[in-house]
Amino acid sequence: VLVPRSLPAAPGPRPRRGCGEAAALRAMGFSDEQARRLLGLQARLDPQRREAAAAQLLLLGLSAEAALALLERSPALLRMPTERLRERADELRRLGLDGGRAAGRCGAG
């Protein structure tokens, strides 16, 4: 009985580590440069954590540039457990944060 052997790996360049993560960040709305900067933050971090943190900030209504700036200023957000980050984002939404600004503003009187 002949047992088929697996084929050798195809020659040529292999995907670089982080390429899939960069594509995911670009799909969220980050530019190539922003994705590169974001990937440079906490480089050893689990990719899902970085994506989850970015996603929560975008869901709050922040632009990609504002979300990146916040993560650059506060990289501890990337190490925060995803569920805790989600809870914090929910709390900010409940308090009226919309698009990075407080929704309830005093009218001119």
PDB file of N, CA and C in Angstrom:
ATOM      1  N   VAL A   1       0.855  -1.174   0.000  1.00  0.00           N
ATOM      2  CA  VAL A   1       0.000   0.000   0.000  1.00  0.00           C
ATOM      3  C   VAL A   1       0.896   1.230   0.000  1.00  0.00           C
ATOM      4  N   LEU A   2       0.633   2.113  -0.929  1.00  0.00           N
ATOM      5  CA  LEU A   2       1.397   3.356  -1.004  1.00  0.00           C
ATOM      6  C   LEU A   2       0.727   4.422  -0.149  1.00  0.00           C
ATOM      7  N   VAL A   3       1.520   5.073   0.647  1.00  0.00           N
ATOM      8  CA  VAL A   3       1.011   6.160   1.484  1.00  0.00           C
ATOM      9  C   VAL A   3       1.479   7.470   0.861  1.00  0.00           C
ATOM     10  N   PRO A   4       0.535   8.347   0.489  1.00  0.00           N
ATOM     11  CA  PRO A   4       0.950   9.604  -0.122  1.00  0.00           C
ATOM     12  C   PRO A   4       1.738  10.460   0.870  1.00  0.00           C
ATOM     13  N   ARG A   5       2.821  11.013   0.360  1.00  0.00           N
ATOM     14  CA  ARG A   5       3.617  11.902   1.201  1.00  0.00           C
ATOM     15  C   ARG A   5       3.149  13.330   0.982  1.00  0.00           C
ATOM     16  N   SER A   6       3.310  14.132   1.998  1.00  0.00           N
ATOM     17  CA  SER A   6       2.909  15.527   1.840  1.00  0.00           C
ATOM     18  C   SER A   6       3.879  16.230   0.905  1.00  0.00           C
ATOM     19  N   LEU A   7       3.370  17.200   0.216  1.00  0.00           N
ATOM     20  CA  LEU A   7       4.182  17.964  -0.721  1.00  0.00           C
ATOM     21  C   LEU A   7       5.103  18.913   0.038  1.00  0.00           C
ATOM     22  N   PRO A   8       6.287  19.158  -0.503  1.00  0.00           N
ATOM     23  CA  PRO A   8       7.166  20.128   0.152  1.00  0.00           C
ATOM     24  C   PRO A   8       6.571  21.526   0.046  1.00  0.00           C
ATOM     25  N   ALA A   9       7.012  22.386   0.916  1.00  0.00           N
ATOM     26  CA  ALA A   9       6.526  23.765   0.905  1.00  0.00           C
ATOM     27  C   ALA A   9       6.877  24.419  -0.418  1.00  0.00           C
ATOM     28  N   ALA A  10       5.978  25.240  -0.904  1.00  0.00           N
ATOM     29  CA  ALA A  10       6.209  25.935  -2.172  1.00  0.00           C
ATOM     30  C   ALA A  10       7.372  26.901  -2.021  1.00  0.00           C
ATOM     31  N   PRO A  11       8.220  26.975  -3.047  1.00  0.00           N
ATOM     32  CA  PRO A  11       9.330  27.922  -2.964  1.00  0.00           C
ATOM     33  C   PRO A  11       8.819  29.355  -3.044  1.00  0.00           C
ATOM     34  N   GLY A  12       9.633  30.268  -2.606  1.00  0.00           N
ATOM     35  CA  GLY A  12       9.266  31.675  -2.678  1.00  0.00           C
ATOM     36  C   GLY A  12       9.102  32.263  -1.299  1.00  0.00           C
ATOM     37  N   PRO A  13       8.751  33.525  -1.263  1.00  0.00           N
ATOM     38  CA  PRO A  13       8.646  34.200   0.036  1.00  0.00           C
ATOM     39  C   PRO A  13       7.495  33.649   0.855  1.00  0.00           C
ATOM     40  N   ARG A  14       7.728  33.547   2.116  1.00  0.00           N
ATOM     41  CA  ARG A  14       6.685  33.097   3.040  1.00  0.00           C
ATOM     42  C   ARG A  14       6.047  34.324   3.664  1.00  0.00           C
ATOM     43  N   PRO A  15       4.781  34.232   4.065  1.00  0.00           N
ATOM     44  CA  PRO A  15       4.140  35.382   4.693  1.00  0.00           C
ATOM     45  C   PRO A  15       4.891  35.784   5.957  1.00  0.00           C
ATOM     46  N   ARG A  16       5.072  37.062   6.128  1.00  0.00           N
ATOM     47  CA  ARG A  16       5.733  37.563   7.330  1.00  0.00           C
ATOM     48  C   ARG A  16       4.752  37.545   8.485  1.00  0.00           C
ATOM     49  N   ARG A  17       5.311  37.347   9.664  1.00  0.00           N
ATOM     50  CA  ARG A  17       4.493  37.368  10.869  1.00  0.00           C
ATOM     51  C   ARG A  17       3.845  38.740  10.981  1.00  0.00           C
ATOM     52  N   GLY A  18       2.561  38.788  11.266  1.00  0.00           N
ATOM     53  CA  GLY A  18       1.871  40.052  11.431  1.00  0.00           C
ATOM     54  C   GLY A  18       1.155  40.534  10.179  1.00  0.00           C
ATOM     55  N   CYS A  19       1.368  39.878   9.038  1.00  0.00           N
ATOM     56  CA  CYS A  19       0.711  40.320   7.803  1.00  0.00           C
ATOM     57  C   CYS A  19      -0.806  40.197   7.920  1.00  0.00           C
ATOM     58  N   GLY A  20      -1.279  39.097   8.496  1.00  0.00           N
ATOM     59  CA  GLY A  20      -2.716  38.931   8.678  1.00  0.00           C
ATOM     60  C   GLY A  20      -3.283  39.949   9.639  1.00  0.00           C
ATOM     61  N   GLU A  21      -2.515  40.258  10.666  1.00  0.00           N
ATOM     62  CA  GLU A  21      -2.966  41.256  11.635  1.00  0.00           C
ATOM     63  C   GLU A  21      -3.015  42.634  10.988  1.00  0.00           C
ATOM     64  N   ALA A  22      -2.016  42.955  10.170  1.00  0.00           N
ATOM     65  CA  ALA A  22      -2.010  44.246   9.476  1.00  0.00           C
ATOM     66  C   ALA A  22      -3.219  44.347   8.554  1.00  0.00           C
ATOM     67  N   ALA A  23      -3.548  43.257   7.868  1.00  0.00           N
ATOM     68  CA  ALA A  23      -4.712  43.252   6.980  1.00  0.00           C
ATOM     69  C   ALA A  23      -5.995  43.458   7.779  1.00  0.00           C
ATOM     70  N   ALA A  24      -6.080  42.842   8.951  1.00  0.00           N
ATOM     71  CA  ALA A  24      -7.266  43.008   9.796  1.00  0.00           C
ATOM     72  C   ALA A  24      -7.396  44.458  10.255  1.00  0.00           C
ATOM     73  N   LEU A  25      -6.275  45.079  10.620  1.00  0.00           N
ATOM     74  CA  LEU A  25      -6.310  46.479  11.048  1.00  0.00           C
ATOM     75  C   LEU A  25      -6.704  47.392   9.888  1.00  0.00           C
ATOM     76  N   ARG A  26      -6.200  47.102   8.693  1.00  0.00           N
ATOM     77  CA  ARG A  26      -6.586  47.901   7.523  1.00  0.00           C
ATOM     78  C   ARG A  26      -8.077  47.736   7.241  1.00  0.00           C
ATOM     79  N   ALA A  27      -8.602  46.527   7.443  1.00  0.00           N
ATOM     80  CA  ALA A  27     -10.034  46.289   7.235  1.00  0.00           C
ATOM     81  C   ALA A  27     -10.881  47.083   8.225  1.00  0.00           C
ATOM     82  N   MET A  28     -10.312  47.395   9.390  1.00  0.00           N
ATOM     83  CA  MET A  28     -11.020  48.204  10.392  1.00  0.00           C
ATOM     84  C   MET A  28     -10.993  49.687  10.045  1.00  0.00           C
ATOM     85  N   GLY A  29     -10.151  50.066   9.085  1.00  0.00           N
ATOM     86  CA  GLY A  29     -10.089  51.471   8.698  1.00  0.00           C
ATOM     87  C   GLY A  29      -8.758  52.147   8.950  1.00  0.00           C
ATOM     88  N   PHE A  30      -7.785  51.409   9.473  1.00  0.00           N
ATOM     89  CA  PHE A  30      -6.457  51.975   9.683  1.00  0.00           C
ATOM     90  C   PHE A  30      -5.705  51.986   8.354  1.00  0.00           C
ATOM     91  N   SER A  31      -4.925  53.036   8.122  1.00  0.00           N
ATOM     92  CA  SER A  31      -4.085  53.094   6.923  1.00  0.00           C
ATOM     93  C   SER A  31      -2.904  52.141   7.104  1.00  0.00           C
ATOM     94  N   ASP A  32      -2.138  51.934   6.039  1.00  0.00           N
ATOM     95  CA  ASP A  32      -0.942  51.090   6.138  1.00  0.00           C
ATOM     96  C   ASP A  32       0.004  51.621   7.211  1.00  0.00           C
ATOM     97  N   GLU A  33       0.232  52.930   7.207  1.00  0.00           N
ATOM     98  CA  GLU A  33       1.139  53.550   8.183  1.00  0.00           C
ATOM     99  C   GLU A  33       0.600  53.400   9.607  1.00  0.00           C
ATOM    100  N   GLN A  34      -0.700  53.628   9.791  1.00  0.00           N
ATOM    101  CA  GLN A  34      -1.301  53.483  11.120  1.00  0.00           C
ATOM    102  C   GLN A  34      -1.219  52.041  11.591  1.00  0.00           C
ATOM    103  N   ALA A  35      -1.476  51.094  10.697  1.00  0.00           N
ATOM    104  CA  ALA A  35      -1.388  49.674  11.061  1.00  0.00           C
ATOM    105  C   ALA A  35       0.038  49.332  11.474  1.00  0.00           C
ATOM    106  N   ARG A  36       1.027  49.845  10.738  1.00  0.00           N
ATOM    107  CA  ARG A  36       2.433  49.597  11.075  1.00  0.00           C
ATOM    108  C   ARG A  36       2.760  50.156  12.456  1.00  0.00           C
ATOM    109  N   ARG A  37       2.292  51.376  12.743  1.00  0.00           N
ATOM    110  CA  ARG A  37       2.540  51.978  14.061  1.00  0.00           C
ATOM    111  C   ARG A  37       1.851  51.175  15.165  1.00  0.00           C
ATOM    112  N   LEU A  38       0.636  50.737  14.901  1.00  0.00           N
ATOM    113  CA  LEU A  38      -0.106  49.964  15.897  1.00  0.00           C
ATOM    114  C   LEU A  38       0.560  48.619  16.150  1.00  0.00           C
ATOM    115  N   LEU A  39       1.060  47.986  15.097  1.00  0.00           N
ATOM    116  CA  LEU A  39       1.762  46.712  15.259  1.00  0.00           C
ATOM    117  C   LEU A  39       3.053  46.884  16.053  1.00  0.00           C
ATOM    118  N   GLY A  40       3.631  48.059  16.021  1.00  0.00           N
ATOM    119  CA  GLY A  40       4.855  48.328  16.772  1.00  0.00           C
ATOM    120  C   GLY A  40       4.617  48.502  18.260  1.00  0.00           C
ATOM    121  N   LEU A  41       3.373  48.738  18.651  1.00  0.00           N
ATOM    122  CA  LEU A  41       3.046  48.884  20.073  1.00  0.00           C
ATOM    123  C   LEU A  41       2.934  47.505  20.709  1.00  0.00           C
ATOM    124  N   GLN A  42       3.634  47.294  21.803  1.00  0.00           N
ATOM    125  CA  GLN A  42       3.544  46.013  22.512  1.00  0.00           C
ATOM    126  C   GLN A  42       3.693  44.860  21.516  1.00  0.00           C
ATOM    127  N   ALA A  43       4.815  44.829  20.818  1.00  0.00           N
ATOM    128  CA  ALA A  43       5.025  43.888  19.712  1.00  0.00           C
ATOM    129  C   ALA A  43       4.811  42.424  20.095  1.00  0.00           C
ATOM    130  N   ARG A  44       5.061  42.066  21.330  1.00  0.00           N
ATOM    131  CA  ARG A  44       4.902  40.656  21.742  1.00  0.00           C
ATOM    132  C   ARG A  44       3.487  40.317  22.181  1.00  0.00           C
ATOM    133  N   LEU A  45       2.612  41.275  22.103  1.00  0.00           N
ATOM    134  CA  LEU A  45       1.236  41.101  22.544  1.00  0.00           C
ATOM    135  C   LEU A  45       0.472  40.175  21.595  1.00  0.00           C
ATOM    136  N   ASP A  46      -0.469  39.440  22.147  1.00  0.00           N
ATOM    137  CA  ASP A  46      -1.344  38.581  21.356  1.00  0.00           C
ATOM    138  C   ASP A  46      -2.104  39.447  20.344  1.00  0.00           C
ATOM    139  N   PRO A  47      -2.078  39.095  19.059  1.00  0.00           N
ATOM    140  CA  PRO A  47      -2.739  39.921  18.040  1.00  0.00           C
ATOM    141  C   PRO A  47      -4.219  40.171  18.313  1.00  0.00           C
ATOM    142  N   GLN A  48      -4.914  39.190  18.889  1.00  0.00           N
ATOM    143  CA  GLN A  48      -6.335  39.374  19.163  1.00  0.00           C
ATOM    144  C   GLN A  48      -6.566  40.494  20.175  1.00  0.00           C
ATOM    145  N   ARG A  49      -5.661  40.652  21.126  1.00  0.00           N
ATOM    146  CA  ARG A  49      -5.809  41.734  22.107  1.00  0.00           C
ATOM    147  C   ARG A  49      -5.672  43.095  21.445  1.00  0.00           C
ATOM    148  N   ARG A  50      -4.681  43.216  20.551  1.00  0.00           N
ATOM    149  CA  ARG A  50      -4.461  44.490  19.862  1.00  0.00           C
ATOM    150  C   ARG A  50      -5.686  44.832  19.009  1.00  0.00           C
ATOM    151  N   GLU A  51      -6.190  43.837  18.273  1.00  0.00           N
ATOM    152  CA  GLU A  51      -7.361  44.063  17.433  1.00  0.00           C
ATOM    153  C   GLU A  51      -8.588  44.400  18.275  1.00  0.00           C
ATOM    154  N   ALA A  52      -8.769  43.713  19.399  1.00  0.00           N
ATOM    155  CA  ALA A  52      -9.924  43.972  20.261  1.00  0.00           C
ATOM    156  C   ALA A  52      -9.876  45.383  20.831  1.00  0.00           C
ATOM    157  N   ALA A  53      -8.699  45.820  21.262  1.00  0.00           N
ATOM    158  CA  ALA A  53      -8.565  47.171  21.814  1.00  0.00           C
ATOM    159  C   ALA A  53      -8.878  48.207  20.744  1.00  0.00           C
ATOM    160  N   ALA A  54      -8.328  48.014  19.553  1.00  0.00           N
ATOM    161  CA  ALA A  54      -8.582  48.953  18.457  1.00  0.00           C
ATOM    162  C   ALA A  54     -10.067  48.964  18.108  1.00  0.00           C
ATOM    163  N   ALA A  55     -10.674  47.786  18.051  1.00  0.00           N
ATOM    164  CA  ALA A  55     -12.089  47.689  17.692  1.00  0.00           C
ATOM    165  C   ALA A  55     -12.970  48.409  18.704  1.00  0.00           C
ATOM    166  N   GLN A  56     -12.691  48.243  19.996  1.00  0.00           N
ATOM    167  CA  GLN A  56     -13.506  48.906  21.016  1.00  0.00           C
ATOM    168  C   GLN A  56     -13.420  50.423  20.893  1.00  0.00           C
ATOM    169  N   LEU A  57     -12.231  50.939  20.613  1.00  0.00           N
ATOM    170  CA  LEU A  57     -12.079  52.387  20.463  1.00  0.00           C
ATOM    171  C   LEU A  57     -12.805  52.886  19.218  1.00  0.00           C
ATOM    172  N   LEU A  58     -12.744  52.115  18.144  1.00  0.00           N
ATOM    173  CA  LEU A  58     -13.461  52.504  16.930  1.00  0.00           C
ATOM    174  C   LEU A  58     -14.971  52.453  17.153  1.00  0.00           C
ATOM    175  N   LEU A  59     -15.431  51.456  17.917  1.00  0.00           N
ATOM    176  CA  LEU A  59     -16.863  51.350  18.209  1.00  0.00           C
ATOM    177  C   LEU A  59     -17.361  52.501  19.074  1.00  0.00           C
ATOM    178  N   LEU A  60     -16.448  53.125  19.816  1.00  0.00           N
ATOM    179  CA  LEU A  60     -16.824  54.307  20.591  1.00  0.00           C
ATOM    180  C   LEU A  60     -17.010  55.524  19.692  1.00  0.00           C
ATOM    181  N   GLY A  61     -16.609  55.385  18.442  1.00  0.00           N
ATOM    182  CA  GLY A  61     -16.760  56.486  17.503  1.00  0.00           C
ATOM    183  C   GLY A  61     -15.482  57.254  17.253  1.00  0.00           C
ATOM    184  N   LEU A  62     -14.371  56.794  17.818  1.00  0.00           N
ATOM    185  CA  LEU A  62     -13.102  57.463  17.558  1.00  0.00           C
ATOM    186  C   LEU A  62     -12.644  57.160  16.138  1.00  0.00           C
ATOM    187  N   SER A  63     -11.958  58.104  15.537  1.00  0.00           N
ATOM    188  CA  SER A  63     -11.357  57.851  14.226  1.00  0.00           C
ATOM    189  C   SER A  63     -10.170  56.919  14.418  1.00  0.00           C
ATOM    190  N   ALA A  64      -9.698  56.341  13.331  1.00  0.00           N
ATOM    191  CA  ALA A  64      -8.530  55.462  13.416  1.00  0.00           C
ATOM    192  C   ALA A  64      -7.332  56.227  13.972  1.00  0.00           C
ATOM    193  N   GLU A  65      -7.142  57.467  13.535  1.00  0.00           N
ATOM    194  CA  GLU A  65      -6.003  58.267  14.012  1.00  0.00           C
ATOM    195  C   GLU A  65      -6.136  58.562  15.507  1.00  0.00           C
ATOM    196  N   ALA A  66      -7.346  58.898  15.969  1.00  0.00           N
ATOM    197  CA  ALA A  66      -7.555  59.176  17.391  1.00  0.00           C
ATOM    198  C   ALA A  66      -7.360  57.913  18.229  1.00  0.00           C
ATOM    199  N   ALA A  67      -7.844  56.776  17.732  1.00  0.00           N
ATOM    200  CA  ALA A  67      -7.672  55.513  18.456  1.00  0.00           C
ATOM    201  C   ALA A  67      -6.195  55.162  18.566  1.00  0.00           C
ATOM    202  N   LEU A  68      -5.457  55.332  17.471  1.00  0.00           N
ATOM    203  CA  LEU A  68      -4.023  55.050  17.484  1.00  0.00           C
ATOM    204  C   LEU A  68      -3.297  55.978  18.452  1.00  0.00           C
ATOM    205  N   ALA A  69      -3.632  57.266  18.422  1.00  0.00           N
ATOM    206  CA  ALA A  69      -2.991  58.226  19.320  1.00  0.00           C
ATOM    207  C   ALA A  69      -3.245  57.852  20.782  1.00  0.00           C
ATOM    208  N   LEU A  70      -4.464  57.424  21.091  1.00  0.00           N
ATOM    209  CA  LEU A  70      -4.789  57.022  22.459  1.00  0.00           C
ATOM    210  C   LEU A  70      -3.987  55.792  22.872  1.00  0.00           C
ATOM    211  N   LEU A  71      -3.881  54.816  21.976  1.00  0.00           N
ATOM    212  CA  LEU A  71      -3.120  53.605  22.290  1.00  0.00           C
ATOM    213  C   LEU A  71      -1.627  53.895  22.405  1.00  0.00           C
ATOM    214  N   GLU A  72      -1.132  54.862  21.642  1.00  0.00           N
ATOM    215  CA  GLU A  72       0.278  55.242  21.765  1.00  0.00           C
ATOM    216  C   GLU A  72       0.535  55.945  23.095  1.00  0.00           C
ATOM    217  N   ARG A  73      -0.422  56.767  23.535  1.00  0.00           N
ATOM    218  CA  ARG A  73      -0.269  57.465  24.822  1.00  0.00           C
ATOM    219  C   ARG A  73      -0.504  56.541  26.010  1.00  0.00           C
ATOM    220  N   SER A  74      -1.384  55.563  25.835  1.00  0.00           N
ATOM    221  CA  SER A  74      -1.753  54.662  26.932  1.00  0.00           C
ATOM    222  C   SER A  74      -1.653  53.207  26.485  1.00  0.00           C
ATOM    223  N   PRO A  75      -0.438  52.701  26.276  1.00  0.00           N
ATOM    224  CA  PRO A  75      -0.297  51.321  25.791  1.00  0.00           C
ATOM    225  C   PRO A  75      -0.814  50.276  26.779  1.00  0.00           C
ATOM    226  N   ALA A  76      -1.038  50.658  28.028  1.00  0.00           N
ATOM    227  CA  ALA A  76      -1.599  49.714  29.004  1.00  0.00           C
ATOM    228  C   ALA A  76      -2.981  49.231  28.565  1.00  0.00           C
ATOM    229  N   LEU A  77      -3.678  50.023  27.748  1.00  0.00           N
ATOM    230  CA  LEU A  77      -4.981  49.590  27.235  1.00  0.00           C
ATOM    231  C   LEU A  77      -4.856  48.300  26.431  1.00  0.00           C
ATOM    232  N   LEU A  78      -3.717  48.113  25.782  1.00  0.00           N
ATOM    233  CA  LEU A  78      -3.508  46.904  24.987  1.00  0.00           C
ATOM    234  C   LEU A  78      -3.342  45.666  25.858  1.00  0.00           C
ATOM    235  N   ARG A  79      -2.887  45.851  27.073  1.00  0.00           N
ATOM    236  CA  ARG A  79      -2.686  44.713  27.983  1.00  0.00           C
ATOM    237  C   ARG A  79      -3.930  44.422  28.814  1.00  0.00           C
ATOM    238  N   MET A  80      -4.903  45.306  28.756  1.00  0.00           N
ATOM    239  CA  MET A  80      -6.127  45.122  29.529  1.00  0.00           C
ATOM    240  C   MET A  80      -6.907  43.930  28.965  1.00  0.00           C
ATOM    241  N   PRO A  81      -7.419  43.057  29.834  1.00  0.00           N
ATOM    242  CA  PRO A  81      -8.227  41.936  29.334  1.00  0.00           C
ATOM    243  C   PRO A  81      -9.374  42.446  28.456  1.00  0.00           C
ATOM    244  N   THR A  82      -9.636  41.731  27.378  1.00  0.00           N
ATOM    245  CA  THR A  82     -10.628  42.159  26.397  1.00  0.00           C
ATOM    246  C   THR A  82     -11.983  42.416  27.034  1.00  0.00           C
ATOM    247  N   GLU A  83     -12.413  41.542  27.922  1.00  0.00           N
ATOM    248  CA  GLU A  83     -13.724  41.716  28.555  1.00  0.00           C
ATOM    249  C   GLU A  83     -13.758  42.989  29.398  1.00  0.00           C
ATOM    250  N   ARG A  84     -12.683  43.267  30.102  1.00  0.00           N
ATOM    251  CA  ARG A  84     -12.637  44.491  30.922  1.00  0.00           C
ATOM    252  C   ARG A  84     -12.661  45.735  30.034  1.00  0.00           C
ATOM    253  N   LEU A  85     -11.950  45.694  28.938  1.00  0.00           N
ATOM    254  CA  LEU A  85     -11.955  46.815  28.000  1.00  0.00           C
ATOM    255  C   LEU A  85     -13.356  47.024  27.435  1.00  0.00           C
ATOM    256  N   ARG A  86     -14.036  45.934  27.110  1.00  0.00           N
ATOM    257  CA  ARG A  86     -15.406  46.014  26.599  1.00  0.00           C
ATOM    258  C   ARG A  86     -16.334  46.627  27.650  1.00  0.00           C
ATOM    259  N   GLU A  87     -16.166  46.226  28.912  1.00  0.00           N
ATOM    260  CA  GLU A  87     -16.989  46.791  29.986  1.00  0.00           C
ATOM    261  C   GLU A  87     -16.750  48.291  30.128  1.00  0.00           C
ATOM    262  N   ARG A  88     -15.485  48.704  30.061  1.00  0.00           N
ATOM    263  CA  ARG A  88     -15.163  50.135  30.158  1.00  0.00           C
ATOM    264  C   ARG A  88     -15.780  50.909  28.997  1.00  0.00           C
ATOM    265  N   ALA A  89     -15.699  50.339  27.794  1.00  0.00           N
ATOM    266  CA  ALA A  89     -16.276  50.996  26.622  1.00  0.00           C
ATOM    267  C   ALA A  89     -17.792  51.104  26.768  1.00  0.00           C
ATOM    268  N   ASP A  90     -18.441  50.053  27.274  1.00  0.00           N
ATOM    269  CA  ASP A  90     -19.886  50.094  27.508  1.00  0.00           C
ATOM    270  C   ASP A  90     -20.237  51.185  28.510  1.00  0.00           C
ATOM    271  N   GLU A  91     -19.426  51.323  29.552  1.00  0.00           N
ATOM    272  CA  GLU A  91     -19.664  52.359  30.559  1.00  0.00           C
ATOM    273  C   GLU A  91     -19.554  53.754  29.940  1.00  0.00           C
ATOM    274  N   LEU A  92     -18.554  53.968  29.102  1.00  0.00           N
ATOM    275  CA  LEU A  92     -18.411  55.266  28.428  1.00  0.00           C
ATOM    276  C   LEU A  92     -19.602  55.548  27.522  1.00  0.00           C
ATOM    277  N   ARG A  93     -20.102  54.519  26.827  1.00  0.00           N
ATOM    278  CA  ARG A  93     -21.280  54.714  25.989  1.00  0.00           C
ATOM    279  C   ARG A  93     -22.496  55.062  26.838  1.00  0.00           C
ATOM    280  N   ARG A  94     -22.632  54.374  27.969  1.00  0.00           N
ATOM    281  CA  ARG A  94     -23.757  54.625  28.864  1.00  0.00           C
ATOM    282  C   ARG A  94     -23.703  56.053  29.411  1.00  0.00           C
ATOM    283  N   LEU A  95     -22.496  56.579  29.598  1.00  0.00           N
ATOM    284  CA  LEU A  95     -22.336  57.949  30.092  1.00  0.00           C
ATOM    285  C   LEU A  95     -22.503  58.991  28.991  1.00  0.00           C
ATOM    286  N   GLY A  96     -22.693  58.537  27.770  1.00  0.00           N
ATOM    287  CA  GLY A  96     -22.988  59.461  26.686  1.00  0.00           C
ATOM    288  C   GLY A  96     -21.838  59.803  25.773  1.00  0.00           C
ATOM    289  N   LEU A  97     -20.739  59.067  25.853  1.00  0.00           N
ATOM    290  CA  LEU A  97     -19.631  59.337  24.938  1.00  0.00           C
ATOM    291  C   LEU A  97     -20.046  58.905  23.539  1.00  0.00           C
ATOM    292  N   ASP A  98     -19.974  59.820  22.614  1.00  0.00           N
ATOM    293  CA  ASP A  98     -20.364  59.528  21.238  1.00  0.00           C
ATOM    294  C   ASP A  98     -19.361  60.185  20.310  1.00  0.00           C
ATOM    295  N   GLY A  99     -18.653  59.384  19.554  1.00  0.00           N
ATOM    296  CA  GLY A  99     -17.673  59.930  18.630  1.00  0.00           C
ATOM    297  C   GLY A  99     -16.524  60.608  19.336  1.00  0.00           C
ATOM    298  N   GLY A 100     -16.220  60.157  20.551  1.00  0.00           N
ATOM    299  CA  GLY A 100     -15.123  60.743  21.297  1.00  0.00           C
ATOM    300  C   GLY A 100     -15.509  62.019  22.015  1.00  0.00           C
ATOM    301  N   ARG A 101     -16.778  62.397  21.954  1.00  0.00           N
ATOM    302  CA  ARG A 101     -17.238  63.619  22.623  1.00  0.00           C
ATOM    303  C   ARG A 101     -18.440  63.281  23.496  1.00  0.00           C
ATOM    304  N   ALA A 102     -18.637  64.050  24.518  1.00  0.00           N
ATOM    305  CA  ALA A 102     -19.803  63.852  25.370  1.00  0.00           C
ATOM    306  C   ALA A 102     -21.047  64.237  24.582  1.00  0.00           C
ATOM    307  N   ALA A 103     -22.052  63.380  24.589  1.00  0.00           N
ATOM    308  CA  ALA A 103     -23.263  63.623  23.809  1.00  0.00           C
ATOM    309  C   ALA A 103     -24.135  64.703  24.442  1.00  0.00           C
ATOM    310  N   GLY A 104     -24.207  64.751  25.747  1.00  0.00           N
ATOM    311  CA  GLY A 104     -25.061  65.723  26.416  1.00  0.00           C
ATOM    312  C   GLY A 104     -24.335  67.034  26.654  1.00  0.00           C
ATOM    313  N   ARG A 105     -24.598  68.018  25.820  1.00  0.00           N
ATOM    314  CA  ARG A 105     -23.959  69.326  25.971  1.00  0.00           C
ATOM    315  C   ARG A 105     -25.001  70.328  26.418  1.00  0.00           C
ATOM    316  N   CYS A 106     -24.569  71.289  27.162  1.00  0.00           N
ATOM    317  CA  CYS A 106     -25.471  72.351  27.606  1.00  0.00           C
ATOM    318  C   CYS A 106     -25.764  73.267  26.430  1.00  0.00           C
ATOM    319  N   GLY A 107     -27.001  73.614  26.259  1.00  0.00           N
ATOM    320  CA  GLY A 107     -27.370  74.531  25.181  1.00  0.00           C
ATOM    321  C   GLY A 107     -27.118  75.972  25.594  1.00  0.00           C
ATOM    322  N   ALA A 108     -26.978  76.824  24.608  1.00  0.00           N
ATOM    323  CA  ALA A 108     -26.769  78.251  24.897  1.00  0.00           C
ATOM    324  C   ALA A 108     -28.059  78.807  25.458  1.00  0.00           C
ATOM    325  N   GLY A 109     -27.942  79.594  26.472  1.00  0.00           N
ATOM    326  CA  GLY A 109     -29.161  80.050  27.123  1.00  0.00           C
ATOM    327  C   GLY A 109     -29.275  81.444  27.249  1.00  0.00           C
TER     328      GLY A 109
END
